[in-house]
Amino acid sequence: MNKVNCVIVLSHNAKIFFEQTYGYHKSLTKIIYNGVEVIPDLAVTDNITNNCRVILVGRLSSQKNQTFFIENIRPLINKMIEHEINLIIELWGDGELRNKIKKQITDSNL
């Protein structure tokens, strides 16, 4: 991670970890508990570079709900296309839903 605009974490402990381990300034790390809250200041703006990378890290399981993310990512993809921003989405992890998630990604043309 050479340059980031924002690091989104799911807990206070993860925020502290990223700030201490990678030296991110506190203003760069945002907590979104359970990954569903919308933060207005993360909206697409003109000051964003033309590349955006979203990385989901965790066990591939129903508790982590990556399937929900995949089902609902299309509006973000469309917004990025509209603003001519290259979006790269990566899922890192393994678990019982690995094959289901791979199929869901293929079926969704992602």
PDB file of N, CA and C in Angstrom:
ATOM      1  N   MET A   1       0.841  -1.176   0.000  1.00  0.00           N
ATOM      2  CA  MET A   1       0.000   0.000   0.000  1.00  0.00           C
ATOM      3  C   MET A   1       0.889   1.242   0.000  1.00  0.00           C
ATOM      4  N   ASN A   2       1.134   1.791  -1.151  1.00  0.00           N
ATOM      5  CA  ASN A   2       1.980   2.959  -1.242  1.00  0.00           C
ATOM      6  C   ASN A   2       1.239   4.235  -0.881  1.00  0.00           C
ATOM      7  N   LYS A   3       0.059   4.420  -1.434  1.00  0.00           N
ATOM      8  CA  LYS A   3      -0.707   5.624  -1.183  1.00  0.00           C
ATOM      9  C   LYS A   3      -2.173   5.246  -1.043  1.00  0.00           C
ATOM     10  N   VAL A   4      -2.791   5.715   0.024  1.00  0.00           N
ATOM     11  CA  VAL A   4      -4.208   5.445   0.219  1.00  0.00           C
ATOM     12  C   VAL A   4      -4.924   6.740   0.549  1.00  0.00           C
ATOM     13  N   ASN A   5      -6.189   6.806   0.170  1.00  0.00           N
ATOM     14  CA  ASN A   5      -7.027   7.940   0.531  1.00  0.00           C
ATOM     15  C   ASN A   5      -7.767   7.672   1.828  1.00  0.00           C
ATOM     16  N   CYS A   6      -8.022   6.383   2.085  1.00  0.00           N
ATOM     17  CA  CYS A   6      -8.809   6.016   3.247  1.00  0.00           C
ATOM     18  C   CYS A   6      -8.637   4.524   3.513  1.00  0.00           C
ATOM     19  N   VAL A   7      -8.629   4.159   4.800  1.00  0.00           N
ATOM     20  CA  VAL A   7      -8.625   2.760   5.193  1.00  0.00           C
ATOM     21  C   VAL A   7      -9.892   2.537   6.005  1.00  0.00           C
ATOM     22  N   ILE A   8     -10.734   1.608   5.562  1.00  0.00           N
ATOM     23  CA  ILE A   8     -11.978   1.318   6.264  1.00  0.00           C
ATOM     24  C   ILE A   8     -11.788   0.030   7.046  1.00  0.00           C
ATOM     25  N   VAL A   9     -12.063   0.102   8.337  1.00  0.00           N
ATOM     26  CA  VAL A   9     -11.931  -1.058   9.212  1.00  0.00           C
ATOM     27  C   VAL A   9     -13.264  -1.315   9.897  1.00  0.00           C
ATOM     28  N   LEU A  10     -13.395  -2.511  10.487  1.00  0.00           N
ATOM     29  CA  LEU A  10     -14.673  -2.895  11.080  1.00  0.00           C
ATOM     30  C   LEU A  10     -14.719  -2.795  12.595  1.00  0.00           C
ATOM     31  N   SER A  11     -13.628  -2.376  13.229  1.00  0.00           N
ATOM     32  CA  SER A  11     -13.637  -2.269  14.686  1.00  0.00           C
ATOM     33  C   SER A  11     -12.590  -1.264  15.143  1.00  0.00           C
ATOM     34  N   HIS A  12     -12.721  -0.829  16.380  1.00  0.00           N
ATOM     35  CA  HIS A  12     -11.768   0.102  16.970  1.00  0.00           C
ATOM     36  C   HIS A  12     -10.383  -0.548  17.053  1.00  0.00           C
ATOM     37  N   ASN A  13     -10.350  -1.835  17.423  1.00  0.00           N
ATOM     38  CA  ASN A  13      -9.064  -2.536  17.510  1.00  0.00           C
ATOM     39  C   ASN A  13      -8.369  -2.607  16.155  1.00  0.00           C
ATOM     40  N   ALA A  14      -9.131  -2.831  15.093  1.00  0.00           N
ATOM     41  CA  ALA A  14      -8.541  -2.876  13.752  1.00  0.00           C
ATOM     42  C   ALA A  14      -7.996  -1.498  13.366  1.00  0.00           C
ATOM     43  N   LYS A  15      -8.708  -0.454  13.763  1.00  0.00           N
ATOM     44  CA  LYS A  15      -8.251   0.916  13.491  1.00  0.00           C
ATOM     45  C   LYS A  15      -6.895   1.164  14.148  1.00  0.00           C
ATOM     46  N   ILE A  16      -6.787   0.803  15.412  1.00  0.00           N
ATOM     47  CA  ILE A  16      -5.526   0.969  16.137  1.00  0.00           C
ATOM     48  C   ILE A  16      -4.420   0.145  15.484  1.00  0.00           C
ATOM     49  N   PHE A  17      -4.740  -1.090  15.107  1.00  0.00           N
ATOM     50  CA  PHE A  17      -3.757  -1.963  14.459  1.00  0.00           C
ATOM     51  C   PHE A  17      -3.206  -1.325  13.189  1.00  0.00           C
ATOM     52  N   PHE A  18      -4.085  -0.850  12.298  1.00  0.00           N
ATOM     53  CA  PHE A  18      -3.622  -0.271  11.039  1.00  0.00           C
ATOM     54  C   PHE A  18      -2.836   1.015  11.269  1.00  0.00           C
ATOM     55  N   GLU A  19      -3.261   1.817  12.224  1.00  0.00           N
ATOM     56  CA  GLU A  19      -2.542   3.059  12.504  1.00  0.00           C
ATOM     57  C   GLU A  19      -1.147   2.769  13.063  1.00  0.00           C
ATOM     58  N   GLN A  20      -1.061   1.816  13.975  1.00  0.00           N
ATOM     59  CA  GLN A  20       0.228   1.507  14.586  1.00  0.00           C
ATOM     60  C   GLN A  20       1.131   0.680  13.673  1.00  0.00           C
ATOM     61  N   THR A  21       0.565  -0.301  12.985  1.00  0.00           N
ATOM     62  CA  THR A  21       1.366  -1.197  12.158  1.00  0.00           C
ATOM     63  C   THR A  21       1.831  -0.539  10.866  1.00  0.00           C
ATOM     64  N   TYR A  22       0.956   0.209  10.224  1.00  0.00           N
ATOM     65  CA  TYR A  22       1.282   0.785   8.925  1.00  0.00           C
ATOM     66  C   TYR A  22       1.513   2.289   8.963  1.00  0.00           C
ATOM     67  N   GLY A  23       1.344   2.894  10.140  1.00  0.00           N
ATOM     68  CA  GLY A  23       1.619   4.318  10.293  1.00  0.00           C
ATOM     69  C   GLY A  23       0.593   5.236   9.668  1.00  0.00           C
ATOM     70  N   TYR A  24      -0.627   4.733   9.441  1.00  0.00           N
ATOM     71  CA  TYR A  24      -1.665   5.592   8.869  1.00  0.00           C
ATOM     72  C   TYR A  24      -2.084   6.652   9.884  1.00  0.00           C
ATOM     73  N   HIS A  25      -2.291   7.860   9.389  1.00  0.00           N
ATOM     74  CA  HIS A  25      -2.778   8.932  10.257  1.00  0.00           C
ATOM     75  C   HIS A  25      -4.218   8.632  10.665  1.00  0.00           C
ATOM     76  N   LYS A  26      -4.599   9.047  11.848  1.00  0.00           N
ATOM     77  CA  LYS A  26      -5.954   8.766  12.360  1.00  0.00           C
ATOM     78  C   LYS A  26      -7.049   9.270  11.431  1.00  0.00           C
ATOM     79  N   SER A  27      -6.787  10.337  10.698  1.00  0.00           N
ATOM     80  CA  SER A  27      -7.810  10.873   9.796  1.00  0.00           C
ATOM     81  C   SER A  27      -8.046   9.975   8.577  1.00  0.00           C
ATOM     82  N   LEU A  28      -7.100   9.056   8.288  1.00  0.00           N
ATOM     83  CA  LEU A  28      -7.256   8.165   7.138  1.00  0.00           C
ATOM     84  C   LEU A  28      -8.035   6.905   7.460  1.00  0.00           C
ATOM     85  N   THR A  29      -8.149   6.551   8.733  1.00  0.00           N
ATOM     86  CA  THR A  29      -8.841   5.311   9.091  1.00  0.00           C
ATOM     87  C   THR A  29     -10.252   5.621   9.564  1.00  0.00           C
ATOM     88  N   LYS A  30     -11.202   4.949   8.960  1.00  0.00           N
ATOM     89  CA  LYS A  30     -12.624   5.109   9.297  1.00  0.00           C
ATOM     90  C   LYS A  30     -13.172   3.768   9.758  1.00  0.00           C
ATOM     91  N   ILE A  31     -13.971   3.803  10.809  1.00  0.00           N
ATOM     92  CA  ILE A  31     -14.599   2.582  11.303  1.00  0.00           C
ATOM     93  C   ILE A  31     -16.015   2.508  10.751  1.00  0.00           C
ATOM     94  N   ILE A  32     -16.341   1.380  10.125  1.00  0.00           N
ATOM     95  CA  ILE A  32     -17.718   1.098   9.709  1.00  0.00           C
ATOM     96  C   ILE A  32     -18.071  -0.233  10.356  1.00  0.00           C
ATOM     97  N   TYR A  33     -18.754  -0.163  11.481  1.00  0.00           N
ATOM     98  CA  TYR A  33     -19.102  -1.375  12.202  1.00  0.00           C
ATOM     99  C   TYR A  33     -20.017  -2.234  11.346  1.00  0.00           C
ATOM    100  N   ASN A  34     -19.666  -3.496  11.192  1.00  0.00           N
ATOM    101  CA  ASN A  34     -20.403  -4.467  10.385  1.00  0.00           C
ATOM    102  C   ASN A  34     -20.490  -4.088   8.914  1.00  0.00           C
ATOM    103  N   GLY A  35     -19.770  -3.092   8.501  1.00  0.00           N
ATOM    104  CA  GLY A  35     -19.657  -2.768   7.086  1.00  0.00           C
ATOM    105  C   GLY A  35     -20.924  -2.294   6.409  1.00  0.00           C
ATOM    106  N   VAL A  36     -21.861  -1.668   7.127  1.00  0.00           N
ATOM    107  CA  VAL A  36     -23.098  -1.239   6.482  1.00  0.00           C
ATOM    108  C   VAL A  36     -23.380   0.258   6.623  1.00  0.00           C
ATOM    109  N   GLU A  37     -22.698   0.950   7.492  1.00  0.00           N
ATOM    110  CA  GLU A  37     -22.931   2.370   7.693  1.00  0.00           C
ATOM    111  C   GLU A  37     -22.392   3.156   6.496  1.00  0.00           C
ATOM    112  N   VAL A  38     -23.083   4.218   6.096  1.00  0.00           N
ATOM    113  CA  VAL A  38     -22.632   5.061   5.001  1.00  0.00           C
ATOM    114  C   VAL A  38     -21.956   6.288   5.603  1.00  0.00           C
ATOM    115  N   ILE A  39     -20.761   6.599   5.134  1.00  0.00           N
ATOM    116  CA  ILE A  39     -20.035   7.778   5.606  1.00  0.00           C
ATOM    117  C   ILE A  39     -20.051   8.809   4.480  1.00  0.00           C
ATOM    118  N   PRO A  40     -20.732   9.951   4.676  1.00  0.00           N
ATOM    119  CA  PRO A  40     -20.887  10.930   3.591  1.00  0.00           C
ATOM    120  C   PRO A  40     -19.568  11.429   3.010  1.00  0.00           C
ATOM    121  N   ASP A  41     -18.533  11.602   3.813  1.00  0.00           N
ATOM    122  CA  ASP A  41     -17.296  12.166   3.278  1.00  0.00           C
ATOM    123  C   ASP A  41     -16.490  11.173   2.449  1.00  0.00           C
ATOM    124  N   LEU A  42     -17.010   9.964   2.235  1.00  0.00           N
ATOM    125  CA  LEU A  42     -16.345   9.002   1.361  1.00  0.00           C
ATOM    126  C   LEU A  42     -16.957   8.985  -0.033  1.00  0.00           C
ATOM    127  N   ALA A  43     -17.814   9.950  -0.323  1.00  0.00           N
ATOM    128  CA  ALA A  43     -18.458  10.005  -1.633  1.00  0.00           C
ATOM    129  C   ALA A  43     -17.414  10.271  -2.712  1.00  0.00           C
ATOM    130  N   VAL A  44     -17.743   9.888  -3.934  1.00  0.00           N
ATOM    131  CA  VAL A  44     -16.841  10.114  -5.060  1.00  0.00           C
ATOM    132  C   VAL A  44     -16.711  11.610  -5.290  1.00  0.00           C
ATOM    133  N   THR A  45     -15.476  12.094  -5.326  1.00  0.00           N
ATOM    134  CA  THR A  45     -15.234  13.519  -5.570  1.00  0.00           C
ATOM    135  C   THR A  45     -14.151  13.662  -6.628  1.00  0.00           C
ATOM    136  N   ASP A  46     -13.962  14.886  -7.093  1.00  0.00           N
ATOM    137  CA  ASP A  46     -12.981  15.146  -8.136  1.00  0.00           C
ATOM    138  C   ASP A  46     -11.538  14.988  -7.660  1.00  0.00           C
ATOM    139  N   ASN A  47     -11.301  14.992  -6.344  1.00  0.00           N
ATOM    140  CA  ASN A  47      -9.925  14.929  -5.865  1.00  0.00           C
ATOM    141  C   ASN A  47      -9.407  13.502  -5.717  1.00  0.00           C
ATOM    142  N   ILE A  48     -10.184  12.517  -6.091  1.00  0.00           N
ATOM    143  CA  ILE A  48      -9.748  11.123  -6.038  1.00  0.00           C
ATOM    144  C   ILE A  48      -8.980  10.807  -7.311  1.00  0.00           C
ATOM    145  N   THR A  49      -7.925  10.021  -7.180  1.00  0.00           N
ATOM    146  CA  THR A  49      -7.189   9.615  -8.369  1.00  0.00           C
ATOM    147  C   THR A  49      -8.098   8.749  -9.231  1.00  0.00           C
ATOM    148  N   ASN A  50      -7.620   8.377 -10.392  1.00  0.00           N
ATOM    149  CA  ASN A  50      -8.465   7.576 -11.282  1.00  0.00           C
ATOM    150  C   ASN A  50      -8.392   6.085 -10.967  1.00  0.00           C
ATOM    151  N   ASN A  51      -7.850   5.710  -9.818  1.00  0.00           N
ATOM    152  CA  ASN A  51      -7.803   4.313  -9.400  1.00  0.00           C
ATOM    153  C   ASN A  51      -8.345   4.180  -7.982  1.00  0.00           C
ATOM    154  N   CYS A  52      -9.137   3.156  -7.779  1.00  0.00           N
ATOM    155  CA  CYS A  52      -9.677   2.888  -6.456  1.00  0.00           C
ATOM    156  C   CYS A  52      -9.616   1.379  -6.228  1.00  0.00           C
ATOM    157  N   ARG A  53      -9.096   0.977  -5.082  1.00  0.00           N
ATOM    158  CA  ARG A  53      -8.987  -0.444  -4.757  1.00  0.00           C
ATOM    159  C   ARG A  53      -9.763  -0.691  -3.464  1.00  0.00           C
ATOM    160  N   VAL A  54     -10.671  -1.663  -3.522  1.00  0.00           N
ATOM    161  CA  VAL A  54     -11.429  -2.104  -2.348  1.00  0.00           C
ATOM    162  C   VAL A  54     -10.976  -3.520  -2.031  1.00  0.00           C
ATOM    163  N   ILE A  55     -10.499  -3.735  -0.800  1.00  0.00           N
ATOM    164  CA  ILE A  55     -10.018  -5.053  -0.409  1.00  0.00           C
ATOM    165  C   ILE A  55     -10.820  -5.525   0.797  1.00  0.00           C
ATOM    166  N   LEU A  56     -11.451  -6.681   0.664  1.00  0.00           N
ATOM    167  CA  LEU A  56     -12.160  -7.310   1.773  1.00  0.00           C
ATOM    168  C   LEU A  56     -11.296  -8.457   2.273  1.00  0.00           C
ATOM    169  N   VAL A  57     -10.950  -8.423   3.541  1.00  0.00           N
ATOM    170  CA  VAL A  57     -10.093  -9.449   4.122  1.00  0.00           C
ATOM    171  C   VAL A  57     -10.860 -10.156   5.219  1.00  0.00           C
ATOM    172  N   GLY A  58     -10.930 -11.473   5.153  1.00  0.00           N
ATOM    173  CA  GLY A  58     -11.595 -12.212   6.214  1.00  0.00           C
ATOM    174  C   GLY A  58     -12.004 -13.608   5.776  1.00  0.00           C
ATOM    175  N   ARG A  59     -12.465 -14.338   6.747  1.00  0.00           N
ATOM    176  CA  ARG A  59     -12.963 -15.692   6.495  1.00  0.00           C
ATOM    177  C   ARG A  59     -14.179 -15.591   5.567  1.00  0.00           C
ATOM    178  N   LEU A  60     -14.243 -16.447   4.560  1.00  0.00           N
ATOM    179  CA  LEU A  60     -15.371 -16.447   3.625  1.00  0.00           C
ATOM    180  C   LEU A  60     -16.494 -17.275   4.240  1.00  0.00           C
ATOM    181  N   SER A  61     -17.395 -16.584   4.942  1.00  0.00           N
ATOM    182  CA  SER A  61     -18.455 -17.268   5.677  1.00  0.00           C
ATOM    183  C   SER A  61     -19.700 -16.395   5.722  1.00  0.00           C
ATOM    184  N   SER A  62     -20.804 -17.003   6.110  1.00  0.00           N
ATOM    185  CA  SER A  62     -22.061 -16.252   6.198  1.00  0.00           C
ATOM    186  C   SER A  62     -21.977 -15.132   7.235  1.00  0.00           C
ATOM    187  N   GLN A  63     -21.194 -15.323   8.284  1.00  0.00           N
ATOM    188  CA  GLN A  63     -21.064 -14.291   9.309  1.00  0.00           C
ATOM    189  C   GLN A  63     -20.393 -13.026   8.757  1.00  0.00           C
ATOM    190  N   LYS A  64     -19.460 -13.194   7.842  1.00  0.00           N
ATOM    191  CA  LYS A  64     -18.751 -12.042   7.254  1.00  0.00           C
ATOM    192  C   LYS A  64     -19.542 -11.405   6.122  1.00  0.00           C
ATOM    193  N   ASN A  65     -20.456 -12.162   5.530  1.00  0.00           N
ATOM    194  CA  ASN A  65     -21.441 -11.663   4.561  1.00  0.00           C
ATOM    195  C   ASN A  65     -20.845 -11.037   3.302  1.00  0.00           C
ATOM    196  N   GLN A  66     -19.825 -11.650   2.747  1.00  0.00           N
ATOM    197  CA  GLN A  66     -19.289 -11.169   1.482  1.00  0.00           C
ATOM    198  C   GLN A  66     -20.315 -11.274   0.361  1.00  0.00           C
ATOM    199  N   THR A  67     -21.243 -12.227   0.465  1.00  0.00           N
ATOM    200  CA  THR A  67     -22.276 -12.364  -0.571  1.00  0.00           C
ATOM    201  C   THR A  67     -23.138 -11.107  -0.643  1.00  0.00           C
ATOM    202  N   PHE A  68     -23.408 -10.479   0.489  1.00  0.00           N
ATOM    203  CA  PHE A  68     -24.170  -9.225   0.526  1.00  0.00           C
ATOM    204  C   PHE A  68     -23.410  -8.134  -0.220  1.00  0.00           C
ATOM    205  N   PHE A  69     -22.113  -8.055   0.011  1.00  0.00           N
ATOM    206  CA  PHE A  69     -21.277  -7.075  -0.673  1.00  0.00           C
ATOM    207  C   PHE A  69     -21.362  -7.269  -2.183  1.00  0.00           C
ATOM    208  N   ILE A  70     -21.213  -8.508  -2.626  1.00  0.00           N
ATOM    209  CA  ILE A  70     -21.230  -8.807  -4.061  1.00  0.00           C
ATOM    210  C   ILE A  70     -22.598  -8.469  -4.660  1.00  0.00           C
ATOM    211  N   GLU A  71     -23.664  -8.790  -3.939  1.00  0.00           N
ATOM    212  CA  GLU A  71     -25.024  -8.500  -4.424  1.00  0.00           C
ATOM    213  C   GLU A  71     -25.262  -7.003  -4.583  1.00  0.00           C
ATOM    214  N   ASN A  72     -24.565  -6.185  -3.785  1.00  0.00           N
ATOM    215  CA  ASN A  72     -24.873  -4.763  -3.728  1.00  0.00           C
ATOM    216  C   ASN A  72     -23.769  -3.844  -4.241  1.00  0.00           C
ATOM    217  N   ILE A  73     -22.764  -4.373  -4.891  1.00  0.00           N
ATOM    218  CA  ILE A  73     -21.639  -3.565  -5.360  1.00  0.00           C
ATOM    219  C   ILE A  73     -21.907  -2.865  -6.689  1.00  0.00           C
ATOM    220  N   ARG A  74     -22.878  -3.324  -7.450  1.00  0.00           N
ATOM    221  CA  ARG A  74     -23.128  -2.777  -8.785  1.00  0.00           C
ATOM    222  C   ARG A  74     -23.324  -1.254  -8.800  1.00  0.00           C
ATOM    223  N   PRO A  75     -24.094  -0.639  -7.880  1.00  0.00           N
ATOM    224  CA  PRO A  75     -24.215   0.829  -7.911  1.00  0.00           C
ATOM    225  C   PRO A  75     -22.871   1.550  -7.754  1.00  0.00           C
ATOM    226  N   LEU A  76     -21.982   1.020  -6.919  1.00  0.00           N
ATOM    227  CA  LEU A  76     -20.663   1.624  -6.768  1.00  0.00           C
ATOM    228  C   LEU A  76     -19.863   1.482  -8.061  1.00  0.00           C
ATOM    229  N   ILE A  77     -19.938   0.314  -8.671  1.00  0.00           N
ATOM    230  CA  ILE A  77     -19.234   0.102  -9.946  1.00  0.00           C
ATOM    231  C   ILE A  77     -19.738   1.102 -10.985  1.00  0.00           C
ATOM    232  N   ASN A  78     -21.050   1.261 -11.079  1.00  0.00           N
ATOM    233  CA  ASN A  78     -21.626   2.194 -12.049  1.00  0.00           C
ATOM    234  C   ASN A  78     -21.187   3.631 -11.771  1.00  0.00           C
ATOM    235  N   LYS A  79     -21.122   4.013 -10.498  1.00  0.00           N
ATOM    236  CA  LYS A  79     -20.700   5.358 -10.117  1.00  0.00           C
ATOM    237  C   LYS A  79     -19.241   5.586 -10.502  1.00  0.00           C
ATOM    238  N   MET A  80     -18.431   4.580 -10.288  1.00  0.00           N
ATOM    239  CA  MET A  80     -17.020   4.693 -10.646  1.00  0.00           C
ATOM    240  C   MET A  80     -16.852   4.825 -12.163  1.00  0.00           C
ATOM    241  N   ILE A  81     -17.602   4.040 -12.916  1.00  0.00           N
ATOM    242  CA  ILE A  81     -17.550   4.132 -14.377  1.00  0.00           C
ATOM    243  C   ILE A  81     -17.965   5.529 -14.824  1.00  0.00           C
ATOM    244  N   GLU A  82     -19.031   6.039 -14.215  1.00  0.00           N
ATOM    245  CA  GLU A  82     -19.538   7.375 -14.542  1.00  0.00           C
ATOM    246  C   GLU A  82     -18.459   8.444 -14.332  1.00  0.00           C
ATOM    247  N   HIS A  83     -17.644   8.269 -13.301  1.00  0.00           N
ATOM    248  CA  HIS A  83     -16.599   9.245 -12.976  1.00  0.00           C
ATOM    249  C   HIS A  83     -15.230   8.850 -13.542  1.00  0.00           C
ATOM    250  N   GLU A  84     -15.229   7.850 -14.431  1.00  0.00           N
ATOM    251  CA  GLU A  84     -14.012   7.379 -15.092  1.00  0.00           C
ATOM    252  C   GLU A  84     -12.925   6.981 -14.090  1.00  0.00           C
ATOM    253  N   ILE A  85     -13.351   6.248 -13.080  1.00  0.00           N
ATOM    254  CA  ILE A  85     -12.437   5.751 -12.052  1.00  0.00           C
ATOM    255  C   ILE A  85     -12.329   4.240 -12.198  1.00  0.00           C
ATOM    256  N   ASN A  86     -11.110   3.745 -12.236  1.00  0.00           N
ATOM    257  CA  ASN A  86     -10.871   2.307 -12.312  1.00  0.00           C
ATOM    258  C   ASN A  86     -11.082   1.704 -10.929  1.00  0.00           C
ATOM    259  N   LEU A  87     -11.966   0.747 -10.828  1.00  0.00           N
ATOM    260  CA  LEU A  87     -12.266   0.103  -9.551  1.00  0.00           C
ATOM    261  C   LEU A  87     -11.726  -1.312  -9.559  1.00  0.00           C
ATOM    262  N   ILE A  88     -10.921  -1.634  -8.560  1.00  0.00           N
ATOM    263  CA  ILE A  88     -10.388  -2.985  -8.384  1.00  0.00           C
ATOM    264  C   ILE A  88     -10.918  -3.499  -7.055  1.00  0.00           C
ATOM    265  N   ILE A  89     -11.587  -4.632  -7.103  1.00  0.00           N
ATOM    266  CA  ILE A  89     -12.145  -5.237  -5.885  1.00  0.00           C
ATOM    267  C   ILE A  89     -11.436  -6.559  -5.652  1.00  0.00           C
ATOM    268  N   GLU A  90     -10.912  -6.741  -4.446  1.00  0.00           N
ATOM    269  CA  GLU A  90     -10.221  -7.978  -4.100  1.00  0.00           C
ATOM    270  C   GLU A  90     -10.831  -8.572  -2.846  1.00  0.00           C
ATOM    271  N   LEU A  91     -11.048  -9.864  -2.863  1.00  0.00           N
ATOM    272  CA  LEU A  91     -11.487 -10.601  -1.677  1.00  0.00           C
ATOM    273  C   LEU A  91     -10.344 -11.511  -1.262  1.00  0.00           C
ATOM    274  N   TRP A  92      -9.857 -11.344  -0.052  1.00  0.00           N
ATOM    275  CA  TRP A  92      -8.774 -12.159   0.474  1.00  0.00           C
ATOM    276  C   TRP A  92      -9.312 -13.019   1.587  1.00  0.00           C
ATOM    277  N   GLY A  93      -9.128 -14.302   1.494  1.00  0.00           N
ATOM    278  CA  GLY A  93      -9.560 -15.192   2.558  1.00  0.00           C
ATOM    279  C   GLY A  93      -9.938 -16.552   2.016  1.00  0.00           C
ATOM    280  N   ASP A  94     -10.354 -17.394   2.927  1.00  0.00           N
ATOM    281  CA  ASP A  94     -10.784 -18.738   2.578  1.00  0.00           C
ATOM    282  C   ASP A  94     -11.876 -19.126   3.560  1.00  0.00           C
ATOM    283  N   GLY A  95     -12.678 -20.092   3.180  1.00  0.00           N
ATOM    284  CA  GLY A  95     -13.738 -20.543   4.070  1.00  0.00           C
ATOM    285  C   GLY A  95     -14.761 -21.377   3.336  1.00  0.00           C
ATOM    286  N   GLU A  96     -15.792 -21.742   4.072  1.00  0.00           N
ATOM    287  CA  GLU A  96     -16.791 -22.664   3.531  1.00  0.00           C
ATOM    288  C   GLU A  96     -17.586 -22.093   2.356  1.00  0.00           C
ATOM    289  N   LEU A  97     -17.598 -20.765   2.181  1.00  0.00           N
ATOM    290  CA  LEU A  97     -18.359 -20.170   1.077  1.00  0.00           C
ATOM    291  C   LEU A  97     -17.501 -19.828  -0.137  1.00  0.00           C
ATOM    292  N   ARG A  98     -16.263 -20.279  -0.144  1.00  0.00           N
ATOM    293  CA  ARG A  98     -15.344 -19.928  -1.238  1.00  0.00           C
ATOM    294  C   ARG A  98     -15.943 -20.240  -2.613  1.00  0.00           C
ATOM    295  N   ASN A  99     -16.389 -21.454  -2.835  1.00  0.00           N
ATOM    296  CA  ASN A  99     -16.932 -21.827  -4.146  1.00  0.00           C
ATOM    297  C   ASN A  99     -18.218 -21.074  -4.466  1.00  0.00           C
ATOM    298  N   LYS A 100     -19.068 -20.881  -3.477  1.00  0.00           N
ATOM    299  CA  LYS A 100     -20.317 -20.133  -3.689  1.00  0.00           C
ATOM    300  C   LYS A 100     -20.008 -18.691  -4.086  1.00  0.00           C
ATOM    301  N   ILE A 101     -19.038 -18.073  -3.424  1.00  0.00           N
ATOM    302  CA  ILE A 101     -18.674 -16.689  -3.724  1.00  0.00           C
ATOM    303  C   ILE A 101     -18.045 -16.586  -5.110  1.00  0.00           C
ATOM    304  N   LYS A 102     -17.187 -17.532  -5.473  1.00  0.00           N
ATOM    305  CA  LYS A 102     -16.598 -17.527  -6.814  1.00  0.00           C
ATOM    306  C   LYS A 102     -17.683 -17.618  -7.887  1.00  0.00           C
ATOM    307  N   LYS A 103     -18.675 -18.476  -7.661  1.00  0.00           N
ATOM    308  CA  LYS A 103     -19.788 -18.624  -8.610  1.00  0.00           C
ATOM    309  C   LYS A 103     -20.609 -17.340  -8.670  1.00  0.00           C
ATOM    310  N   GLN A 104     -20.854 -16.734  -7.510  1.00  0.00           N
ATOM    311  CA  GLN A 104     -21.631 -15.495  -7.456  1.00  0.00           C
ATOM    312  C   GLN A 104     -20.915 -14.378  -8.234  1.00  0.00           C
ATOM    313  N   ILE A 105     -19.599 -14.308  -8.101  1.00  0.00           N
ATOM    314  CA  ILE A 105     -18.826 -13.303  -8.823  1.00  0.00           C
ATOM    315  C   ILE A 105     -18.932 -13.550 -10.325  1.00  0.00           C
ATOM    316  N   THR A 106     -18.787 -14.795 -10.744  1.00  0.00           N
ATOM    317  CA  THR A 106     -18.889 -15.148 -12.162  1.00  0.00           C
ATOM    318  C   THR A 106     -20.282 -14.850 -12.697  1.00  0.00           C
ATOM    319  N   ASP A 107     -21.314 -15.263 -11.949  1.00  0.00           N
ATOM    320  CA  ASP A 107     -22.704 -15.057 -12.381  1.00  0.00           C
ATOM    321  C   ASP A 107     -23.066 -13.574 -12.455  1.00  0.00           C
ATOM    322  N   SER A 108     -22.384 -12.745 -11.647  1.00  0.00           N
ATOM    323  CA  SER A 108     -22.658 -11.296 -11.630  1.00  0.00           C
ATOM    324  C   SER A 108     -21.811 -10.524 -12.629  1.00  0.00           C
ATOM    325  N   ASN A 109     -21.004 -11.248 -13.411  1.00  0.00           N
ATOM    326  CA  ASN A 109     -20.105 -10.609 -14.397  1.00  0.00           C
ATOM    327  C   ASN A 109     -19.165  -9.603 -13.752  1.00  0.00           C
ATOM    328  N   LEU A 110     -18.614  -9.972 -12.621  1.00  0.00           N
ATOM    329  CA  LEU A 110     -17.672  -9.083 -11.926  1.00  0.00           C
ATOM    330  C   LEU A 110     -16.250  -9.543 -12.147  1.00  0.00           C
TER     331      LEU A 110
END
